[in-house]
Amino acid sequence: MEIHIKKDRPSPADQYPNRARMLISCPDGPGIVAAVSQFLYQHGANIVQSDQYTMDPDGGMFFIRVEFDLEDLTAKLPQLEESFRPIADQFSMEWKIYHAARKKRLAIFVSKEDHCLVELLWQWQAGDLDADIALVVSNHPDMREYVESFGIPYHHIPVTPETKQEAEKRQMETIGDDIDVIILARYMQIISPMFIEHYRNRIINIHHSFLPAFVGGKPYAQAYNRGVKIIGATAHYVTEELDGGPIIEQDVQRVSHRDDVNELKRIGRTIERVVLARAVKWHVEDRILVHNNKTVVFN
């Protein structure tokens, strides 16, 4: 069997072992940026990037993402987090500090369509996806040989209406508790509320953007019959509402009457793979904040 070796390209995590990312959301008000900046300065950190966004200066929500370097970060991070709690309480913050050198662990779910999975594997192999693909789970055996050629474990867990609950239990046992994000790379099964709750805002799905206009089977045929002029794809976090979770990324492409159903599918697959890869990249780089059913993406 041919083995695909990941290229030896230094990742951002390898280049900046003392880099951290802080994500904050809180009610808007004066002094937030000053308090965060002063805190990091007092603890010897150097801010290398800062992005912020307010929904409404008069009583809305405020979001900030800060990247900073701090010498001997691994040893100092627990104390840094403990010291920040009084500031977080003062401004009613929801917050998290991520060590950039700790790569996110990914679990990819796939059925028979392989284009989104292949894109993620290619980007991972090239070093453009700065994460660890821990395993691939599928309800079909079709992609086993290809996935295992990358040295990635492949788990075939069949799903039927009668065995769905047991299959999800096996999936959760297989994934374990050390997975940071689950990617539904054209995984053609509905995820149960129990599964979603366990991985809240950590399951990313991709679907064609015809929804809700063309729901059900054969959406591209429906779109062709209506003579659509734009097709696209949407990547979003999974919630209990089918394809209704917070949107992370979207893209579209113009089409015409000259494009038949097969051409629409080909264009759609290209958009899907690109949109999903972007969404995953932004998640693993800690660029997304979720508020209600919307996202703030510092990309």
Protein backbone atom coordinates (compact mmCIF):
# COMPACT_ATOMS: atom_id res chain seq x y z
CA MET A 1 0.00 0.00 0.00
CA GLU A 2 1.29 3.46 -0.88
CA ILE A 3 1.94 5.62 2.17
CA HIS A 4 1.46 9.39 1.91
CA ILE A 5 4.01 11.13 4.14
CA LYS A 6 3.10 14.51 5.51
CA LYS A 7 5.45 17.21 4.23
CA ASP A 8 8.03 18.53 6.65
CA ARG A 9 6.84 22.13 6.63
CA PRO A 10 7.07 24.05 9.91
CA SER A 11 3.63 25.02 11.15
CA PRO A 12 2.77 28.27 12.95
CA ALA A 13 2.63 26.24 16.16
CA ASP A 14 6.18 25.02 15.58
CA GLN A 15 7.44 28.50 14.73
CA TYR A 16 5.82 30.24 17.70
CA PRO A 17 5.82 27.84 20.67
CA ASN A 18 5.04 30.65 23.13
CA ARG A 19 2.03 32.06 21.28
CA ALA A 20 -1.46 32.09 22.77
CA ARG A 21 -4.88 33.21 21.58
CA MET A 22 -7.48 34.81 23.79
CA LEU A 23 -11.16 34.86 22.74
CA ILE A 24 -13.60 37.05 24.67
CA SER A 25 -17.28 37.91 24.37
CA CYS A 26 -19.05 40.21 26.83
CA PRO A 27 -21.54 43.08 27.06
CA ASP A 28 -20.12 46.17 25.40
CA GLY A 29 -18.85 49.01 27.54
CA PRO A 30 -15.87 51.30 28.08
CA GLY A 31 -12.50 50.00 29.21
CA ILE A 32 -12.57 46.43 27.92
CA VAL A 33 -9.69 46.70 25.45
CA ALA A 34 -7.67 48.78 27.89
CA ALA A 35 -8.17 46.25 30.68
CA VAL A 36 -7.15 43.29 28.53
CA SER A 37 -4.13 45.08 27.06
CA GLN A 38 -2.96 46.34 30.45
CA PHE A 39 -3.33 42.87 31.96
CA LEU A 40 -1.21 41.25 29.27
CA TYR A 41 1.40 44.00 29.52
CA GLN A 42 1.65 43.59 33.29
CA HIS A 43 2.27 39.87 32.84
CA GLY A 44 5.03 40.36 30.28
CA ALA A 45 3.05 39.37 27.19
CA ASN A 46 3.57 40.97 23.80
CA ILE A 47 0.39 41.45 21.72
CA VAL A 48 1.04 40.54 18.08
CA GLN A 49 -2.53 40.80 16.77
CA SER A 50 -5.83 42.14 18.06
CA ASP A 51 -9.27 42.16 16.43
CA GLN A 52 -12.50 43.38 17.92
CA TYR A 53 -16.13 43.84 16.93
CA THR A 54 -19.15 45.35 18.62
CA MET A 55 -22.72 44.43 17.70
CA ASP A 56 -24.11 47.65 19.10
CA PRO A 57 -22.11 50.28 21.01
CA ASP A 58 -25.19 51.09 23.09
CA GLY A 59 -25.80 47.96 25.14
CA GLY A 60 -24.75 45.34 22.59
CA MET A 61 -22.20 42.54 22.73
CA PHE A 62 -18.46 43.00 22.28
CA PHE A 63 -16.07 40.41 20.85
CA ILE A 64 -12.29 40.41 20.86
CA ARG A 65 -9.55 38.04 19.70
CA VAL A 66 -6.00 38.69 20.87
CA GLU A 67 -2.85 36.82 19.89
CA PHE A 68 0.13 37.30 22.16
CA ASP A 69 3.56 35.87 22.91
CA LEU A 70 4.65 35.09 26.45
CA GLU A 71 7.99 33.57 27.33
CA ASP A 72 7.70 30.12 28.93
CA LEU A 73 3.99 30.07 28.12
CA THR A 74 3.36 26.45 29.05
CA ALA A 75 4.49 26.99 32.62
CA LYS A 76 2.87 30.40 33.02
CA LEU A 77 -0.51 29.74 31.38
CA PRO A 78 -2.35 28.29 34.43
CA GLN A 79 -1.39 31.28 36.58
CA LEU A 80 -2.22 33.68 33.76
CA GLU A 81 -5.71 32.24 33.50
CA GLU A 82 -6.23 32.39 37.26
CA SER A 83 -5.06 36.02 37.39
CA PHE A 84 -7.43 37.04 34.60
CA ARG A 85 -10.57 35.81 36.38
CA PRO A 86 -11.23 39.07 38.34
CA ILE A 87 -11.14 41.08 35.09
CA ALA A 88 -13.41 38.56 33.41
CA ASP A 89 -15.87 38.80 36.30
CA GLN A 90 -15.76 42.60 36.24
CA PHE A 91 -16.86 42.73 32.60
CA SER A 92 -19.09 39.58 32.64
CA MET A 93 -16.86 37.91 30.07
CA GLU A 94 -17.09 34.51 28.46
CA TRP A 95 -13.47 33.80 27.63
CA LYS A 96 -10.86 31.22 26.79
CA ILE A 97 -7.10 31.21 26.29
CA TYR A 98 -5.71 28.70 23.79
CA HIS A 99 -2.10 27.60 23.51
CA ALA A 100 -1.44 27.90 19.76
CA ALA A 101 1.22 25.20 19.83
CA ARG A 102 -1.36 22.63 20.93
CA LYS A 103 -2.80 21.42 17.66
CA LYS A 104 -6.51 20.68 17.55
CA ARG A 105 -7.44 17.01 17.14
CA LEU A 106 -9.94 16.39 14.34
CA ALA A 107 -12.39 13.56 13.72
CA ILE A 108 -13.79 13.45 10.19
CA PHE A 109 -17.11 11.77 9.43
CA VAL A 110 -17.76 10.75 5.82
CA SER A 111 -20.17 8.62 3.84
CA LYS A 112 -19.56 7.81 0.16
CA GLU A 113 -18.88 11.22 -1.38
CA ASP A 114 -15.17 11.87 -0.97
CA HIS A 115 -14.47 15.38 -2.29
CA CYS A 116 -14.59 17.21 1.05
CA LEU A 117 -12.58 14.51 2.82
CA VAL A 118 -9.93 14.52 0.09
CA GLU A 119 -9.57 18.32 0.32
CA LEU A 120 -9.00 18.17 4.08
CA LEU A 121 -6.44 15.37 3.72
CA TRP A 122 -4.60 17.27 1.00
CA GLN A 123 -4.45 20.44 3.07
CA TRP A 124 -3.33 18.49 6.12
CA GLN A 125 -0.64 16.70 4.12
CA ALA A 126 0.63 20.01 2.69
CA GLY A 127 0.81 21.57 6.14
CA ASP A 128 -1.88 24.15 5.33
CA LEU A 129 -4.28 22.70 7.91
CA ASP A 130 -2.47 23.15 11.21
CA ALA A 131 -4.17 20.32 13.10
CA ASP A 132 -3.97 16.60 13.75
CA ILE A 133 -6.47 14.37 11.96
CA ALA A 134 -6.94 11.75 14.66
CA LEU A 135 -9.34 9.44 12.81
CA VAL A 136 -11.97 9.09 10.12
CA VAL A 137 -15.39 7.54 10.88
CA SER A 138 -17.70 6.32 8.13
CA ASN A 139 -20.96 4.44 7.75
CA HIS A 140 -19.48 2.86 4.60
CA PRO A 141 -16.17 1.02 4.01
CA ASP A 142 -15.43 2.68 0.67
CA MET A 143 -12.73 5.15 1.78
CA ARG A 144 -10.75 2.87 4.08
CA GLU A 145 -7.78 2.16 1.80
CA TYR A 146 -7.37 5.79 0.77
CA VAL A 147 -7.56 7.15 4.32
CA GLU A 148 -5.24 4.52 5.77
CA SER A 149 -2.67 5.34 3.08
CA PHE A 150 -2.17 8.60 5.00
CA GLY A 151 -1.52 6.67 8.20
CA ILE A 152 -4.87 7.77 9.64
CA PRO A 153 -7.13 5.25 11.45
CA TYR A 154 -10.40 4.47 9.67
CA HIS A 155 -13.44 3.23 11.58
CA HIS A 156 -16.35 1.69 9.70
CA ILE A 157 -19.49 1.95 11.83
CA PRO A 158 -22.62 1.00 9.84
CA VAL A 159 -25.80 2.96 10.55
CA THR A 160 -29.37 1.83 9.94
CA PRO A 161 -32.63 3.24 11.33
CA GLU A 162 -32.76 0.30 13.73
CA THR A 163 -29.14 0.60 14.91
CA LYS A 164 -28.69 4.39 14.87
CA GLN A 165 -28.64 4.83 18.64
CA GLU A 166 -26.13 2.02 19.13
CA ALA A 167 -24.04 3.32 16.22
CA GLU A 168 -23.81 6.79 17.79
CA LYS A 169 -22.76 5.23 21.08
CA ARG A 170 -19.97 3.37 19.25
CA GLN A 171 -18.97 6.58 17.48
CA MET A 172 -18.66 8.48 20.76
CA GLU A 173 -16.64 5.67 22.31
CA THR A 174 -14.37 5.61 19.26
CA ILE A 175 -13.85 9.38 19.29
CA GLY A 176 -13.24 9.66 23.01
CA ASP A 177 -13.01 12.89 24.96
CA ASP A 178 -9.84 14.34 23.44
CA ILE A 179 -11.31 15.39 20.08
CA ASP A 180 -11.61 19.15 19.59
CA VAL A 181 -13.84 19.23 16.53
CA ILE A 182 -15.90 16.82 14.43
CA ILE A 183 -16.18 17.52 10.70
CA LEU A 184 -19.11 16.17 8.73
CA ALA A 185 -17.44 15.92 5.33
CA ARG A 186 -20.62 14.99 3.45
CA TYR A 187 -21.68 12.57 6.18
CA MET A 188 -25.21 11.70 5.11
CA GLN A 189 -26.76 10.96 8.49
CA ILE A 190 -28.79 13.16 10.84
CA ILE A 191 -27.00 13.72 14.15
CA SER A 192 -29.05 13.14 17.30
CA PRO A 193 -29.64 15.91 19.90
CA MET A 194 -27.71 13.87 22.48
CA PHE A 195 -24.65 13.72 20.23
CA ILE A 196 -24.91 17.42 19.38
CA GLU A 197 -25.16 18.45 23.02
CA HIS A 198 -22.02 16.48 23.87
CA TYR A 199 -20.05 18.36 21.20
CA ARG A 200 -21.83 21.73 21.22
CA ASN A 201 -20.26 24.19 18.72
CA ARG A 202 -17.67 21.53 17.87
CA ILE A 203 -19.41 19.83 14.92
CA ILE A 204 -18.98 21.49 11.52
CA ASN A 205 -21.21 20.52 8.59
CA ILE A 206 -21.24 21.44 4.91
CA HIS A 207 -24.28 21.60 2.66
CA HIS A 208 -25.33 23.11 -0.66
CA SER A 209 -26.80 26.58 -0.35
CA PHE A 210 -30.02 25.76 -2.18
CA LEU A 211 -31.64 25.21 1.19
CA PRO A 212 -34.38 25.91 2.01
CA ALA A 213 -35.49 26.45 -1.60
CA PHE A 214 -34.53 22.96 -2.76
CA VAL A 215 -34.95 20.59 0.16
CA GLY A 216 -35.19 16.84 -0.12
CA GLY A 217 -33.67 14.63 -2.78
CA LYS A 218 -31.88 15.64 -5.98
CA PRO A 219 -31.35 19.35 -5.14
CA TYR A 220 -29.22 19.97 -8.23
CA ALA A 221 -31.91 18.56 -10.49
CA GLN A 222 -34.44 20.81 -8.76
CA ALA A 223 -32.13 23.78 -9.22
CA TYR A 224 -31.58 22.96 -12.89
CA ASN A 225 -35.31 22.70 -13.50
CA ARG A 226 -35.79 26.14 -11.94
CA GLY A 227 -32.95 27.65 -14.00
CA VAL A 228 -30.92 28.93 -11.06
CA LYS A 229 -28.19 31.48 -11.79
CA ILE A 230 -26.16 31.08 -8.58
CA ILE A 231 -25.17 27.98 -6.66
CA GLY A 232 -23.11 27.74 -3.52
CA ALA A 233 -22.30 26.04 -0.24
CA THR A 234 -22.58 26.78 3.48
CA ALA A 235 -20.44 25.55 6.36
CA HIS A 236 -22.04 25.81 9.79
CA TYR A 237 -22.00 24.44 13.31
CA VAL A 238 -24.52 21.67 13.84
CA THR A 239 -27.55 22.31 16.04
CA GLU A 240 -30.80 20.47 16.63
CA GLU A 241 -32.36 22.45 13.77
CA LEU A 242 -31.40 20.64 10.57
CA ASP A 243 -28.91 22.78 8.60
CA GLY A 244 -29.92 25.75 10.76
CA GLY A 245 -26.85 26.22 12.96
CA PRO A 246 -24.53 29.25 13.18
CA ILE A 247 -23.00 29.89 9.75
CA ILE A 248 -19.20 29.97 9.57
CA GLU A 249 -18.52 30.42 5.85
CA GLN A 250 -20.34 30.57 2.52
CA ASP A 251 -19.44 30.99 -1.13
CA VAL A 252 -21.26 31.07 -4.46
CA GLN A 253 -20.58 30.84 -8.18
CA ARG A 254 -22.63 32.05 -11.11
CA VAL A 255 -24.01 29.42 -13.47
CA SER A 256 -26.12 29.61 -16.62
CA HIS A 257 -28.65 27.73 -18.72
CA ARG A 258 -25.71 26.06 -20.48
CA ASP A 259 -24.79 24.12 -17.31
CA ASP A 260 -26.55 20.77 -17.06
CA VAL A 261 -27.18 18.87 -13.83
CA ASN A 262 -23.79 17.12 -13.90
CA GLU A 263 -21.99 20.43 -14.37
CA LEU A 264 -23.94 21.98 -11.49
CA LYS A 265 -22.90 19.06 -9.30
CA ARG A 266 -19.25 19.46 -10.32
CA ILE A 267 -19.27 23.18 -9.55
CA GLY A 268 -21.11 22.53 -6.29
CA ARG A 269 -18.56 19.96 -5.14
CA THR A 270 -15.71 22.40 -5.76
CA ILE A 271 -17.42 25.11 -3.72
CA GLU A 272 -18.26 22.66 -0.91
CA ARG A 273 -14.69 21.46 -0.49
CA VAL A 274 -13.26 24.99 -0.41
CA VAL A 275 -15.90 26.37 1.97
CA LEU A 276 -15.58 23.48 4.41
CA ALA A 277 -11.77 23.68 4.43
CA ARG A 278 -11.93 27.41 5.21
CA ALA A 279 -14.37 26.84 8.07
CA VAL A 280 -12.21 24.11 9.58
CA LYS A 281 -9.08 26.24 9.25
CA TRP A 282 -10.72 29.16 11.05
CA HIS A 283 -11.98 26.88 13.82
CA VAL A 284 -8.60 25.30 14.49
CA GLU A 285 -6.98 28.75 14.50
CA ASP A 286 -9.45 29.94 17.17
CA ARG A 287 -10.96 32.63 14.95
CA ILE A 288 -14.66 31.99 15.67
CA LEU A 289 -16.92 33.24 18.45
CA VAL A 290 -20.51 32.00 18.64
CA HIS A 291 -23.29 34.19 19.99
CA ASN A 292 -26.85 32.86 19.91
CA ASN A 293 -27.24 31.49 16.37
CA LYS A 294 -24.59 33.70 14.74
CA THR A 295 -20.83 33.67 14.50
CA VAL A 296 -18.18 36.36 14.61
CA VAL A 297 -15.28 35.18 12.44
CA PHE A 298 -11.97 37.05 12.71
CA ASN A 299 -10.45 35.76 9.46
